[in-house]
């Protein structure tokens, strides 16, 4: 199958981007169908909003995690090196989910200046199978090595333990639409929140994305940019909107466009909102009927109080993000850390030779006896 036919969704962060507190919405004329489990519908005089509880989606994914962990429990280490309450909340939520699902989880709180050494230690520890950093640590502070210090921390995690798929190797694979590495046949890991968004779209039957138009209002390196790239890799035409610019992404190309952000939203089947401000509100009346709206900000970025359109609203994505994180850990564990299956015992060549010789002797004796 081609990368587009497989798709990221098939088979189923920071202070401004708290991964645990995410919202989403989606609709493909859902009001005309029988409601899916976990959905409720609110109807006004002119519009209809279908609300989805992502617990249903997350639980389905976590069932598979629990079944896999019954055969062996991988260990995830999370590093908390900031005072961000959203990051701590995400750490607590991750810990509870992992413990419930049979994953060994350890939260290590360290000072930012000691984090590099702590990562190196975890990389070298054979009992650790996955590493997670709760960002931001240094934020946009520049690094001695070039770029930002948080970028350096992401690249410091071994590819065999990077559950968030944010190190250079996995970023390169994502932006070049490489789903697995040809030399090793190992799967590439992708960022958890973008993957969670696609899993939600799959659940809501808004997937695959080939031929659809999407708008992502955010271009962070953790959520917005990788999500836009993944959507484009799956065949969508994506408008990537940030504070002062809009780009069009498709066919692994990112180009300028004369389309305005508002016109992009009006034409989109899927809209992802990630503006870290409580004052930003997209008027739901500017949506295309049946559009998907995914809110990945800690603030609700849409005003649906007087909406005349039909769409589905998912108030939380964080549960699905954690489920995707667990699945990524299992992928790494199975690819790099799990003990090999027991080999069937086969006779050695020397033993086989001895048995063959004994068989010849027995045949000769039988022949002599017969004569």
Foldseek 3Di string as FASTA:
>chain_A
DDLLVCALQHPPVALFFLLQFWKWWFFDPCVVDDDDPQWDWDDDPFEIAIEGECVVLLVVLLVVLLVVCVVPAAEEEEEEADDRPSLVVLLVVLVVSCVVSNHHYHYDYDHLVCVLVVQVVLQPDLRHQAYHYHDDNQPQPADPVGGRPSLVSLQSHDQLHYLQLQHPVSVVCLLVVNQADPVQRAGRHHGLSLSLNSNVCVVNVVDDAAPFAEEEEDCDSRHQVSSQSSNQSNHYWYWYHYDPAIWTDHPSDTHGDPQDPLNSQLRGQEYEARDSDQPAEAEQQSHHARHIYIYSTSHHRYDCPPHNHYIYIYRTSSSSSSSSSSVSSVSSCVSPRDDDDDDDDDDDPVVVVVVVVVVVVVVVVVVVVVD
